[in-house]
Amino acid sequence: MLLSSIAYGGHLFLEQRYEKNIKRADLLGTNRISGKKASFPLNFLIIGTDKRTPEDYDPKDPSSRVSSVNGERADTIIFVHIPKDKKNAYVISIPRDTDVLIPPMGDYKGGKDKINAAYAFGGDRLGAPLLVATVNNLLGVSIDYPVIVSFKAVRELTEAVGGVDVVVDKRVKDPRSQVVFEQGPQHLDGKKAEAYVRQRYGLPRGDFDRQERQRQFLFALMNRITQTNVITDPRKLDKLLITATNNLTVDKSMPVQDLVFNLKSLRPSDATFTGLQMLPGRNIDGVSYEFADMVAAKELGAAISSDTLPAYLAQHPPGDVNHGS
């Protein structure tokens, strides 16, 4: 969506200078569909990774055990569906603490755990493929192209566009970053934007409020790009493109040029932001878990597979992307 917003400006962003900046890897593994072509509808899995150090180890959180704190884990998981007519984008958040069945892959024997643990359990080589397989099983769908985005991209992209504007519903302080978000319209610089989308402690609904903030930020970022002179100022555009591509890792088979060309007419108003339907969470042995409404999840998967998401969303209306807790 970001690259499509930029392409809207009429600039050939796919020059070698930018395309060569995008990293490629085998992100599908055994999930790859032989002979699959880049024809719509298409499903993407956006994996927002966050580097961890041994100091981040939390014995009460299974997904932060040694296998993950020594590398990266998927703290943000977003499923994106582009329908056959390519006129809309459906952006669906999946809570990081969702209890799921993670299938066996590589050295991992499989089992029930938080969904963000799948990326860690797969290790450097199979992290993305294992998470893809887990989401495929959860929704009963096939992901065509996973994309890994570094969390530091939030700060860097925000700085590249001169900040983003959001509306905060209630004054809140982030206990970790110590940043205070005042009630009402706020202009966020890179540092504040990163704190805004990372915060979950101190929010009434924890990670669910963080997901709303992340959706709000993405919408605000796209609006900032299309409504300001970012795409018409060569220097600003170059800085933005270098920043965006520098933070992306795509599957080795992903035809970036063709996809951006096909999606360049999408505007921020064409994107619908929502989340997986959830049941009440529970604390098990001192660890907090969230649980997906599996009936709704299967309905969502069926709507994705049949390209009928508007009917599903009529039954499960999305929230207001213009506000955040």
C-alpha atoms as a PDB file:
ATOM      1  CA  MET A   1       0.000   0.000   0.000  1.00  0.00           C
ATOM      2  CA  LEU A   2       2.860   2.356   0.798  1.00  0.00           C
ATOM      3  CA  LEU A   3       4.575   1.690  -2.521  1.00  0.00           C
ATOM      4  CA  SER A   4       1.255   1.965  -4.350  1.00  0.00           C
ATOM      5  CA  SER A   5       0.629   5.353  -2.743  1.00  0.00           C
ATOM      6  CA  ILE A   6       4.019   6.485  -3.968  1.00  0.00           C
ATOM      7  CA  ALA A   7       3.450   5.089  -7.459  1.00  0.00           C
ATOM      8  CA  TYR A   8       0.302   7.213  -7.627  1.00  0.00           C
ATOM      9  CA  GLY A   9       2.586  10.222  -7.990  1.00  0.00           C
ATOM     10  CA  GLY A  10       3.551   9.061 -11.457  1.00  0.00           C
ATOM     11  CA  HIS A  11       7.178   8.411 -10.548  1.00  0.00           C
ATOM     12  CA  LEU A  12       8.978   5.295 -11.699  1.00  0.00           C
ATOM     13  CA  PHE A  13      10.040   4.230  -8.225  1.00  0.00           C
ATOM     14  CA  LEU A  14      11.108   0.835  -9.543  1.00  0.00           C
ATOM     15  CA  GLU A  15      14.406   2.063 -10.844  1.00  0.00           C
ATOM     16  CA  GLN A  16      17.345  -0.194 -10.091  1.00  0.00           C
ATOM     17  CA  ARG A  17      18.359   2.151  -7.266  1.00  0.00           C
ATOM     18  CA  TYR A  18      15.215   1.192  -5.334  1.00  0.00           C
ATOM     19  CA  GLU A  19      14.359  -2.327  -6.440  1.00  0.00           C
ATOM     20  CA  LYS A  20      17.867  -3.592  -5.709  1.00  0.00           C
ATOM     21  CA  ASN A  21      17.496  -2.203  -2.191  1.00  0.00           C
ATOM     22  CA  ILE A  22      14.725  -4.701  -1.380  1.00  0.00           C
ATOM     23  CA  LYS A  23      16.034  -7.881   0.254  1.00  0.00           C
ATOM     24  CA  ARG A  24      14.772 -11.259  -0.942  1.00  0.00           C
ATOM     25  CA  ALA A  25      14.615 -14.615   0.832  1.00  0.00           C
ATOM     26  CA  ASP A  26      12.695 -17.872   0.793  1.00  0.00           C
ATOM     27  CA  LEU A  27       9.794 -16.804   2.999  1.00  0.00           C
ATOM     28  CA  LEU A  28       7.341 -19.472   1.796  1.00  0.00           C
ATOM     29  CA  GLY A  29       9.368 -22.666   2.055  1.00  0.00           C
ATOM     30  CA  THR A  30       7.142 -25.730   1.696  1.00  0.00           C
ATOM     31  CA  ASN A  31       4.060 -23.466   1.569  1.00  0.00           C
ATOM     32  CA  ARG A  32       5.003 -22.451  -1.956  1.00  0.00           C
ATOM     33  CA  ILE A  33       2.384 -23.354  -4.558  1.00  0.00           C
ATOM     34  CA  SER A  34       4.107 -24.834  -7.596  1.00  0.00           C
ATOM     35  CA  GLY A  35       3.391 -22.887 -10.776  1.00  0.00           C
ATOM     36  CA  LYS A  36       1.485 -20.132  -8.910  1.00  0.00           C
ATOM     37  CA  LYS A  37       1.313 -16.918 -10.927  1.00  0.00           C
ATOM     38  CA  ALA A  38       0.830 -13.378  -9.612  1.00  0.00           C
ATOM     39  CA  SER A  39      -2.848 -13.231 -10.551  1.00  0.00           C
ATOM     40  CA  PHE A  40      -5.498 -11.640  -8.384  1.00  0.00           C
ATOM     41  CA  PRO A  41      -7.014 -12.169  -5.871  1.00  0.00           C
ATOM     42  CA  LEU A  42      -3.843 -12.279  -3.757  1.00  0.00           C
ATOM     43  CA  ASN A  43      -3.107 -12.732  -0.074  1.00  0.00           C
ATOM     44  CA  PHE A  44      -0.128 -11.154   1.684  1.00  0.00           C
ATOM     45  CA  LEU A  45       1.195 -11.683   5.193  1.00  0.00           C
ATOM     46  CA  ILE A  46       2.937  -8.643   6.654  1.00  0.00           C
ATOM     47  CA  ILE A  47       5.325  -9.711   9.413  1.00  0.00           C
ATOM     48  CA  GLY A  48       6.515  -6.889  11.640  1.00  0.00           C
ATOM     49  CA  THR A  49       9.662  -8.107  13.371  1.00  0.00           C
ATOM     50  CA  ASP A  50      11.212  -6.766  16.535  1.00  0.00           C
ATOM     51  CA  LYS A  51      14.773  -7.562  17.547  1.00  0.00           C
ATOM     52  CA  ARG A  52      15.188  -8.870  21.111  1.00  0.00           C
ATOM     53  CA  THR A  53      18.144  -9.132  23.452  1.00  0.00           C
ATOM     54  CA  PRO A  54      18.630 -11.369  26.516  1.00  0.00           C
ATOM     55  CA  GLU A  55      17.491  -8.438  28.677  1.00  0.00           C
ATOM     56  CA  ASP A  56      14.043  -8.728  27.078  1.00  0.00           C
ATOM     57  CA  TYR A  57      13.527 -12.292  28.334  1.00  0.00           C
ATOM     58  CA  ASP A  58      10.213 -12.678  30.181  1.00  0.00           C
ATOM     59  CA  PRO A  59       9.774 -16.050  31.957  1.00  0.00           C
ATOM     60  CA  LYS A  60       5.991 -15.507  31.974  1.00  0.00           C
ATOM     61  CA  ASP A  61       5.849 -15.191  28.186  1.00  0.00           C
ATOM     62  CA  PRO A  62       6.548 -18.442  26.261  1.00  0.00           C
ATOM     63  CA  SER A  63       7.181 -16.506  23.066  1.00  0.00           C
ATOM     64  CA  SER A  64      10.124 -14.668  24.637  1.00  0.00           C
ATOM     65  CA  ARG A  65      12.155 -17.732  25.524  1.00  0.00           C
ATOM     66  CA  VAL A  66      15.810 -18.051  24.533  1.00  0.00           C
ATOM     67  CA  SER A  67      15.088 -19.077  20.938  1.00  0.00           C
ATOM     68  CA  SER A  68      13.413 -15.732  20.332  1.00  0.00           C
ATOM     69  CA  VAL A  69      15.268 -13.253  22.489  1.00  0.00           C
ATOM     70  CA  ASN A  70      18.479 -14.120  20.680  1.00  0.00           C
ATOM     71  CA  GLY A  71      16.970 -13.014  17.358  1.00  0.00           C
ATOM     72  CA  GLU A  72      13.683 -11.593  16.130  1.00  0.00           C
ATOM     73  CA  ARG A  73      10.028 -12.374  16.666  1.00  0.00           C
ATOM     74  CA  ALA A  74       6.810 -11.376  14.933  1.00  0.00           C
ATOM     75  CA  ASP A  75       5.221  -8.804  17.212  1.00  0.00           C
ATOM     76  CA  THR A  76       2.938  -7.539  14.454  1.00  0.00           C
ATOM     77  CA  ILE A  77       1.062  -9.925  12.151  1.00  0.00           C
ATOM     78  CA  ILE A  78      -1.167  -8.449   9.451  1.00  0.00           C
ATOM     79  CA  PHE A  79      -3.046 -10.350   6.746  1.00  0.00           C
ATOM     80  CA  VAL A  80      -3.795  -8.367   3.572  1.00  0.00           C
ATOM     81  CA  HIS A  81      -6.280  -9.467   0.907  1.00  0.00           C
ATOM     82  CA  ILE A  82      -6.463  -7.826  -2.529  1.00  0.00           C
ATOM     83  CA  PRO A  83      -9.608  -8.914  -4.418  1.00  0.00           C
ATOM     84  CA  LYS A  84      -9.769  -9.889  -8.051  1.00  0.00           C
ATOM     85  CA  ASP A  85     -10.881  -6.433  -9.193  1.00  0.00           C
ATOM     86  CA  LYS A  86      -7.900  -4.804  -7.366  1.00  0.00           C
ATOM     87  CA  LYS A  87     -10.125  -1.941  -6.208  1.00  0.00           C
ATOM     88  CA  ASN A  88      -9.712  -2.498  -2.472  1.00  0.00           C
ATOM     89  CA  ALA A  89      -7.292  -3.741   0.148  1.00  0.00           C
ATOM     90  CA  TYR A  90      -8.459  -5.529   3.280  1.00  0.00           C
ATOM     91  CA  VAL A  91      -5.983  -5.210   6.147  1.00  0.00           C
ATOM     92  CA  ILE A  92      -6.621  -7.678   8.988  1.00  0.00           C
ATOM     93  CA  SER A  93      -4.644  -7.670  12.251  1.00  0.00           C
ATOM     94  CA  ILE A  94      -3.972 -10.942  14.086  1.00  0.00           C
ATOM     95  CA  PRO A  95      -3.186 -10.530  17.815  1.00  0.00           C
ATOM     96  CA  ARG A  96       0.340 -11.658  18.706  1.00  0.00           C
ATOM     97  CA  ASP A  97      -0.858 -13.591  21.783  1.00  0.00           C
ATOM     98  CA  THR A  98      -3.491 -15.634  19.940  1.00  0.00           C
ATOM     99  CA  ASP A  99      -3.379 -19.272  21.065  1.00  0.00           C
ATOM    100  CA  VAL A 100      -2.989 -21.431  17.956  1.00  0.00           C
ATOM    101  CA  LEU A 101      -1.798 -24.814  16.792  1.00  0.00           C
ATOM    102  CA  ILE A 102       1.650 -24.351  15.247  1.00  0.00           C
ATOM    103  CA  PRO A 103       2.426 -27.165  12.782  1.00  0.00           C
ATOM    104  CA  PRO A 104       5.728 -29.074  12.840  1.00  0.00           C
ATOM    105  CA  MET A 105       8.485 -27.756  10.607  1.00  0.00           C
ATOM    106  CA  GLY A 106      12.232 -28.304  10.629  1.00  0.00           C
ATOM    107  CA  ASP A 107      13.431 -29.047  14.156  1.00  0.00           C
ATOM    108  CA  TYR A 108      10.197 -27.783  15.706  1.00  0.00           C
ATOM    109  CA  LYS A 109       7.835 -30.643  16.604  1.00  0.00           C
ATOM    110  CA  GLY A 110       4.654 -28.586  16.590  1.00  0.00           C
ATOM    111  CA  GLY A 111       2.219 -27.731  19.367  1.00  0.00           C
ATOM    112  CA  LYS A 112      -0.098 -25.119  20.886  1.00  0.00           C
ATOM    113  CA  ASP A 113       1.441 -21.714  21.600  1.00  0.00           C
ATOM    114  CA  LYS A 114       1.107 -18.004  20.949  1.00  0.00           C
ATOM    115  CA  ILE A 115       1.085 -17.231  17.245  1.00  0.00           C
ATOM    116  CA  ASN A 116       4.056 -14.868  17.417  1.00  0.00           C
ATOM    117  CA  ALA A 117       6.142 -17.750  18.772  1.00  0.00           C
ATOM    118  CA  ALA A 118       5.918 -19.499  15.383  1.00  0.00           C
ATOM    119  CA  TYR A 119       8.349 -17.038  13.833  1.00  0.00           C
ATOM    120  CA  ALA A 120      10.857 -17.638  16.625  1.00  0.00           C
ATOM    121  CA  PHE A 121      10.466 -21.426  16.679  1.00  0.00           C
ATOM    122  CA  GLY A 122      11.190 -21.596  12.942  1.00  0.00           C
ATOM    123  CA  GLY A 123      14.563 -19.932  13.448  1.00  0.00           C
ATOM    124  CA  ASP A 124      16.421 -17.799  10.938  1.00  0.00           C
ATOM    125  CA  ARG A 125      15.624 -20.062   7.981  1.00  0.00           C
ATOM    126  CA  LEU A 126      12.076 -21.249   8.687  1.00  0.00           C
ATOM    127  CA  GLY A 127      10.611 -18.458  10.812  1.00  0.00           C
ATOM    128  CA  ALA A 128       8.517 -16.896   8.051  1.00  0.00           C
ATOM    129  CA  PRO A 129       7.451 -20.233   6.458  1.00  0.00           C
ATOM    130  CA  LEU A 130       6.323 -21.575   9.841  1.00  0.00           C
ATOM    131  CA  LEU A 131       4.305 -18.441  10.565  1.00  0.00           C
ATOM    132  CA  VAL A 132       2.770 -18.618   7.075  1.00  0.00           C
ATOM    133  CA  ALA A 133       1.768 -22.256   7.655  1.00  0.00           C
ATOM    134  CA  THR A 134       0.275 -21.324  11.035  1.00  0.00           C
ATOM    135  CA  VAL A 135      -1.864 -18.507   9.586  1.00  0.00           C
ATOM    136  CA  ASN A 136      -2.885 -20.687   6.647  1.00  0.00           C
ATOM    137  CA  ASN A 137      -4.162 -23.308   9.113  1.00  0.00           C
ATOM    138  CA  LEU A 138      -5.862 -20.723  11.334  1.00  0.00           C
ATOM    139  CA  LEU A 139      -7.889 -19.155   8.513  1.00  0.00           C
ATOM    140  CA  GLY A 140      -8.009 -22.024   6.041  1.00  0.00           C
ATOM    141  CA  VAL A 141      -6.405 -19.915   3.299  1.00  0.00           C
ATOM    142  CA  SER A 142      -3.238 -19.818   1.194  1.00  0.00           C
ATOM    143  CA  ILE A 143      -0.839 -16.903   1.594  1.00  0.00           C
ATOM    144  CA  ASP A 144       0.780 -15.939  -1.696  1.00  0.00           C
ATOM    145  CA  TYR A 145       3.476 -13.527  -0.567  1.00  0.00           C
ATOM    146  CA  PRO A 146       4.895 -12.935   2.922  1.00  0.00           C
ATOM    147  CA  VAL A 147       6.672  -9.610   3.519  1.00  0.00           C
ATOM    148  CA  ILE A 148       8.927  -8.877   6.492  1.00  0.00           C
ATOM    149  CA  VAL A 149       9.091  -5.290   7.739  1.00  0.00           C
ATOM    150  CA  SER A 150      11.531  -4.177  10.422  1.00  0.00           C
ATOM    151  CA  PHE A 151       9.883  -2.322  13.313  1.00  0.00           C
ATOM    152  CA  LYS A 152      12.463   0.459  13.016  1.00  0.00           C
ATOM    153  CA  ALA A 153      10.776   1.371   9.738  1.00  0.00           C
ATOM    154  CA  VAL A 154       8.053   3.156  11.725  1.00  0.00           C
ATOM    155  CA  ARG A 155      10.469   5.777  13.051  1.00  0.00           C
ATOM    156  CA  GLU A 156      12.386   6.134   9.793  1.00  0.00           C
ATOM    157  CA  LEU A 157       9.330   6.385   7.510  1.00  0.00           C
ATOM    158  CA  THR A 158       7.665   8.887   9.815  1.00  0.00           C
ATOM    159  CA  GLU A 159      10.751  11.084   9.730  1.00  0.00           C
ATOM    160  CA  ALA A 160      10.953  10.740   5.954  1.00  0.00           C
ATOM    161  CA  VAL A 161       7.448  12.207   5.499  1.00  0.00           C
ATOM    162  CA  GLY A 162       7.806  14.914   8.155  1.00  0.00           C
ATOM    163  CA  GLY A 163       5.647  13.245  10.792  1.00  0.00           C
ATOM    164  CA  VAL A 164       2.090  11.861  10.845  1.00  0.00           C
ATOM    165  CA  ASP A 165      -1.157  13.122  12.370  1.00  0.00           C
ATOM    166  CA  VAL A 166      -3.347  10.969  14.629  1.00  0.00           C
ATOM    167  CA  VAL A 167      -6.216  11.511  17.066  1.00  0.00           C
ATOM    168  CA  VAL A 168      -5.763  10.170  20.615  1.00  0.00           C
ATOM    169  CA  ASP A 169      -8.996   9.465  22.487  1.00  0.00           C
ATOM    170  CA  LYS A 170      -7.594   9.723  26.012  1.00  0.00           C
ATOM    171  CA  ARG A 171      -4.385  11.056  27.567  1.00  0.00           C
ATOM    172  CA  VAL A 172      -2.009   8.199  28.301  1.00  0.00           C
ATOM    173  CA  LYS A 173       1.636   7.722  29.251  1.00  0.00           C
ATOM    174  CA  ASP A 174       3.731   4.870  27.914  1.00  0.00           C
ATOM    175  CA  PRO A 175       5.428   3.359  30.988  1.00  0.00           C
ATOM    176  CA  ARG A 176       8.316   2.021  28.921  1.00  0.00           C
ATOM    177  CA  SER A 177       9.224   4.906  26.619  1.00  0.00           C
ATOM    178  CA  GLN A 178       7.918   7.519  29.090  1.00  0.00           C
ATOM    179  CA  VAL A 179       6.269   9.318  26.152  1.00  0.00           C
ATOM    180  CA  VAL A 180       2.975  11.071  26.983  1.00  0.00           C
ATOM    181  CA  PHE A 181       0.227  11.150  24.359  1.00  0.00           C
ATOM    182  CA  GLU A 182      -2.200  13.978  25.020  1.00  0.00           C
ATOM    183  CA  GLN A 183      -5.896  13.709  24.210  1.00  0.00           C
ATOM    184  CA  GLY A 184      -6.956  15.034  20.819  1.00  0.00           C
ATOM    185  CA  PRO A 185      -5.122  15.602  17.518  1.00  0.00           C
ATOM    186  CA  GLN A 186      -1.395  14.854  17.765  1.00  0.00           C
ATOM    187  CA  HIS A 187       1.459  15.306  15.322  1.00  0.00           C
ATOM    188  CA  LEU A 188       3.929  12.475  15.843  1.00  0.00           C
ATOM    189  CA  ASP A 189       7.598  12.650  14.933  1.00  0.00           C
ATOM    190  CA  GLY A 190       9.563   9.446  14.380  1.00  0.00           C
ATOM    191  CA  LYS A 191      10.327   8.789  18.052  1.00  0.00           C
ATOM    192  CA  LYS A 192       6.752   9.358  19.179  1.00  0.00           C
ATOM    193  CA  ALA A 193       5.314   7.346  16.289  1.00  0.00           C
ATOM    194  CA  GLU A 194       7.477   4.348  17.194  1.00  0.00           C
ATOM    195  CA  ALA A 195       6.410   4.592  20.840  1.00  0.00           C
ATOM    196  CA  TYR A 196       2.783   4.987  19.759  1.00  0.00           C
ATOM    197  CA  VAL A 197       2.630   1.779  17.710  1.00  0.00           C
ATOM    198  CA  ARG A 198       4.723  -0.231  20.190  1.00  0.00           C
ATOM    199  CA  GLN A 199       2.827   0.598  23.389  1.00  0.00           C
ATOM    200  CA  ARG A 200       0.536  -2.046  24.884  1.00  0.00           C
ATOM    201  CA  TYR A 201       1.207  -1.652  28.608  1.00  0.00           C
ATOM    202  CA  GLY A 202      -0.892   1.122  30.112  1.00  0.00           C
ATOM    203  CA  LEU A 203      -3.629   0.740  27.485  1.00  0.00           C
ATOM    204  CA  PRO A 204      -7.095  -0.470  28.592  1.00  0.00           C
ATOM    205  CA  ARG A 205      -7.171  -3.406  26.160  1.00  0.00           C
ATOM    206  CA  GLY A 206      -3.440  -4.012  25.856  1.00  0.00           C
ATOM    207  CA  ASP A 207      -2.465  -5.512  22.518  1.00  0.00           C
ATOM    208  CA  PHE A 208      -5.914  -4.916  21.012  1.00  0.00           C
ATOM    209  CA  ASP A 209      -5.499  -1.175  21.511  1.00  0.00           C
ATOM    210  CA  ARG A 210      -1.984  -1.434  20.099  1.00  0.00           C
ATOM    211  CA  GLN A 211      -3.386  -3.087  16.968  1.00  0.00           C
ATOM    212  CA  GLU A 212      -5.849  -0.226  16.573  1.00  0.00           C
ATOM    213  CA  ARG A 213      -2.984   2.232  16.885  1.00  0.00           C
ATOM    214  CA  GLN A 214      -0.982   0.376  14.260  1.00  0.00           C
ATOM    215  CA  ARG A 215      -3.882   0.417  11.814  1.00  0.00           C
ATOM    216  CA  GLN A 216      -4.410   4.104  12.562  1.00  0.00           C
ATOM    217  CA  PHE A 217      -0.720   4.819  11.951  1.00  0.00           C
ATOM    218  CA  LEU A 218      -0.676   2.985   8.595  1.00  0.00           C
ATOM    219  CA  PHE A 219      -3.730   4.915   7.432  1.00  0.00           C
ATOM    220  CA  ALA A 220      -2.223   8.213   8.607  1.00  0.00           C
ATOM    221  CA  LEU A 221       1.084   7.448   6.895  1.00  0.00           C
ATOM    222  CA  MET A 222      -0.587   6.700   3.561  1.00  0.00           C
ATOM    223  CA  ASN A 223      -2.657   9.875   3.834  1.00  0.00           C
ATOM    224  CA  ARG A 224       0.467  11.882   4.615  1.00  0.00           C
ATOM    225  CA  ILE A 225       2.135  10.579   1.458  1.00  0.00           C
ATOM    226  CA  THR A 226      -0.792  11.260  -0.871  1.00  0.00           C
ATOM    227  CA  GLN A 227      -1.912  14.586   0.612  1.00  0.00           C
ATOM    228  CA  THR A 228       1.438  16.388   0.906  1.00  0.00           C
ATOM    229  CA  ASN A 229       4.272  17.188  -1.480  1.00  0.00           C
ATOM    230  CA  VAL A 230       6.247  14.058  -0.568  1.00  0.00           C
ATOM    231  CA  ILE A 231       5.609  12.395  -3.920  1.00  0.00           C
ATOM    232  CA  THR A 232       6.251  15.573  -5.915  1.00  0.00           C
ATOM    233  CA  ASP A 233       9.495  16.600  -4.214  1.00  0.00           C
ATOM    234  CA  PRO A 234      12.331  14.520  -5.758  1.00  0.00           C
ATOM    235  CA  ARG A 235      14.530  14.683  -2.654  1.00  0.00           C
ATOM    236  CA  LYS A 236      11.731  13.742  -0.241  1.00  0.00           C
ATOM    237  CA  LEU A 237      10.547  10.977  -2.551  1.00  0.00           C
ATOM    238  CA  ASP A 238      14.039   9.541  -2.899  1.00  0.00           C
ATOM    239  CA  LYS A 239      14.515   9.551   0.893  1.00  0.00           C
ATOM    240  CA  LEU A 240      11.157   7.857   1.405  1.00  0.00           C
ATOM    241  CA  LEU A 241      11.805   5.176  -1.214  1.00  0.00           C
ATOM    242  CA  ILE A 242      15.253   4.369   0.120  1.00  0.00           C
ATOM    243  CA  THR A 243      13.845   4.144   3.646  1.00  0.00           C
ATOM    244  CA  ALA A 244      10.893   1.968   2.629  1.00  0.00           C
ATOM    245  CA  THR A 245      12.837  -0.479   0.497  1.00  0.00           C
ATOM    246  CA  ASN A 246      15.687  -0.677   2.999  1.00  0.00           C
ATOM    247  CA  ASN A 247      13.261  -2.074   5.586  1.00  0.00           C
ATOM    248  CA  LEU A 248      11.602  -4.686   3.370  1.00  0.00           C
ATOM    249  CA  THR A 249      12.347  -8.366   2.854  1.00  0.00           C
ATOM    250  CA  VAL A 250      10.077 -10.077   0.336  1.00  0.00           C
ATOM    251  CA  ASP A 251       9.754 -13.639  -0.880  1.00  0.00           C
ATOM    252  CA  LYS A 252      12.197 -14.547  -3.616  1.00  0.00           C
ATOM    253  CA  SER A 253       9.327 -15.134  -6.062  1.00  0.00           C
ATOM    254  CA  MET A 254       7.422 -11.904  -5.399  1.00  0.00           C
ATOM    255  CA  PRO A 255       7.100  -9.842  -8.626  1.00  0.00           C
ATOM    256  CA  VAL A 256       7.391  -6.427  -6.985  1.00  0.00           C
ATOM    257  CA  GLN A 257       7.277  -4.402 -10.205  1.00  0.00           C
ATOM    258  CA  ASP A 258       4.147  -6.109 -11.537  1.00  0.00           C
ATOM    259  CA  LEU A 259       2.352  -5.881  -8.202  1.00  0.00           C
ATOM    260  CA  VAL A 260       3.004  -2.177  -7.680  1.00  0.00           C
ATOM    261  CA  PHE A 261       1.978  -1.445 -11.276  1.00  0.00           C
ATOM    262  CA  ASN A 262      -1.297  -3.332 -10.753  1.00  0.00           C
ATOM    263  CA  LEU A 263      -2.019  -1.651  -7.400  1.00  0.00           C
ATOM    264  CA  LYS A 264      -0.917   1.905  -8.095  1.00  0.00           C
ATOM    265  CA  SER A 265      -4.521   3.163  -8.352  1.00  0.00           C
ATOM    266  CA  LEU A 266      -5.295   2.191  -4.736  1.00  0.00           C
ATOM    267  CA  ARG A 267      -5.847   5.137  -2.404  1.00  0.00           C
ATOM    268  CA  PRO A 268      -5.913   5.158   1.414  1.00  0.00           C
ATOM    269  CA  SER A 269      -9.716   5.395   1.236  1.00  0.00           C
ATOM    270  CA  ASP A 270      -9.747   2.064  -0.611  1.00  0.00           C
ATOM    271  CA  ALA A 271      -8.249   0.242   2.386  1.00  0.00           C
ATOM    272  CA  THR A 272     -10.433  -1.394   5.041  1.00  0.00           C
ATOM    273  CA  PHE A 273      -8.704  -2.015   8.372  1.00  0.00           C
ATOM    274  CA  THR A 274     -10.074  -4.619  10.778  1.00  0.00           C
ATOM    275  CA  GLY A 275      -8.989  -7.399  13.108  1.00  0.00           C
ATOM    276  CA  LEU A 276      -9.565 -11.065  13.803  1.00  0.00           C
ATOM    277  CA  GLN A 277     -12.726 -11.663  15.872  1.00  0.00           C
ATOM    278  CA  MET A 278     -11.698 -12.693  19.388  1.00  0.00           C
ATOM    279  CA  LEU A 279     -13.174 -14.391  22.465  1.00  0.00           C
ATOM    280  CA  PRO A 280     -12.311 -13.349  26.053  1.00  0.00           C
ATOM    281  CA  GLY A 281      -8.675 -14.009  26.927  1.00  0.00           C
ATOM    282  CA  ARG A 282      -7.535 -16.208  29.797  1.00  0.00           C
ATOM    283  CA  ASN A 283      -4.601 -16.447  32.144  1.00  0.00           C
ATOM    284  CA  ILE A 284      -3.131 -19.956  32.139  1.00  0.00           C
ATOM    285  CA  ASP A 285      -0.376 -20.788  34.622  1.00  0.00           C
ATOM    286  CA  GLY A 286       0.431 -17.113  34.960  1.00  0.00           C
ATOM    287  CA  VAL A 287       0.602 -16.523  31.185  1.00  0.00           C
ATOM    288  CA  SER A 288      -1.950 -14.411  29.312  1.00  0.00           C
ATOM    289  CA  TYR A 289      -3.453 -15.944  26.161  1.00  0.00           C
ATOM    290  CA  GLU A 290      -5.948 -14.603  23.631  1.00  0.00           C
ATOM    291  CA  PHE A 291      -8.370 -16.857  21.782  1.00  0.00           C
ATOM    292  CA  ALA A 292      -9.762 -16.429  18.303  1.00  0.00           C
ATOM    293  CA  ASP A 293     -13.452 -16.933  17.641  1.00  0.00           C
ATOM    294  CA  MET A 294     -12.884 -19.960  15.452  1.00  0.00           C
ATOM    295  CA  VAL A 295     -16.376 -19.856  13.933  1.00  0.00           C
ATOM    296  CA  ALA A 296     -15.767 -16.277  12.808  1.00  0.00           C
ATOM    297  CA  ALA A 297     -12.202 -17.179  11.736  1.00  0.00           C
ATOM    298  CA  LYS A 298     -13.489 -19.895   9.426  1.00  0.00           C
ATOM    299  CA  GLU A 299     -16.134 -17.519   8.072  1.00  0.00           C
ATOM    300  CA  LEU A 300     -13.390 -14.966   7.452  1.00  0.00           C
ATOM    301  CA  GLY A 301     -11.239 -17.558   5.697  1.00  0.00           C
ATOM    302  CA  ALA A 302     -14.158 -18.641   3.525  1.00  0.00           C
ATOM    303  CA  ALA A 303     -14.880 -15.001   2.610  1.00  0.00           C
ATOM    304  CA  ILE A 304     -11.232 -14.485   1.679  1.00  0.00           C
ATOM    305  CA  SER A 305     -11.127 -17.648  -0.428  1.00  0.00           C
ATOM    306  CA  SER A 306     -14.389 -16.805  -2.220  1.00  0.00           C
ATOM    307  CA  ASP A 307     -13.445 -13.121  -2.587  1.00  0.00           C
ATOM    308  CA  THR A 308     -16.587 -12.027  -0.708  1.00  0.00           C
ATOM    309  CA  LEU A 309     -15.156 -10.014   2.183  1.00  0.00           C
ATOM    310  CA  PRO A 310     -17.742  -7.170   1.963  1.00  0.00           C
ATOM    311  CA  ALA A 311     -20.476  -9.614   3.030  1.00  0.00           C
ATOM    312  CA  TYR A 312     -18.369 -10.796   5.984  1.00  0.00           C
ATOM    313  CA  LEU A 313     -17.626  -7.223   7.054  1.00  0.00           C
ATOM    314  CA  ALA A 314     -21.328  -6.392   6.960  1.00  0.00           C
ATOM    315  CA  GLN A 315     -21.707  -8.951   9.760  1.00  0.00           C
ATOM    316  CA  HIS A 316     -18.487  -7.902  11.534  1.00  0.00           C
ATOM    317  CA  PRO A 317     -18.084  -4.142  10.954  1.00  0.00           C
ATOM    318  CA  PRO A 318     -14.532  -2.725  11.216  1.00  0.00           C
ATOM    319  CA  GLY A 319     -13.647  -0.036  13.754  1.00  0.00           C
ATOM    320  CA  ASP A 320     -12.844   3.636  13.199  1.00  0.00           C
ATOM    321  CA  VAL A 321      -9.325   3.900  11.818  1.00  0.00           C
ATOM    322  CA  ASN A 322      -9.181   7.631  12.552  1.00  0.00           C
ATOM    323  CA  HIS A 323      -8.936   7.258  16.326  1.00  0.00           C
ATOM    324  CA  GLY A 324      -6.620   5.456  18.737  1.00  0.00           C
ATOM    325  CA  SER A 325      -6.610   4.779  22.473  1.00  0.00           C
END
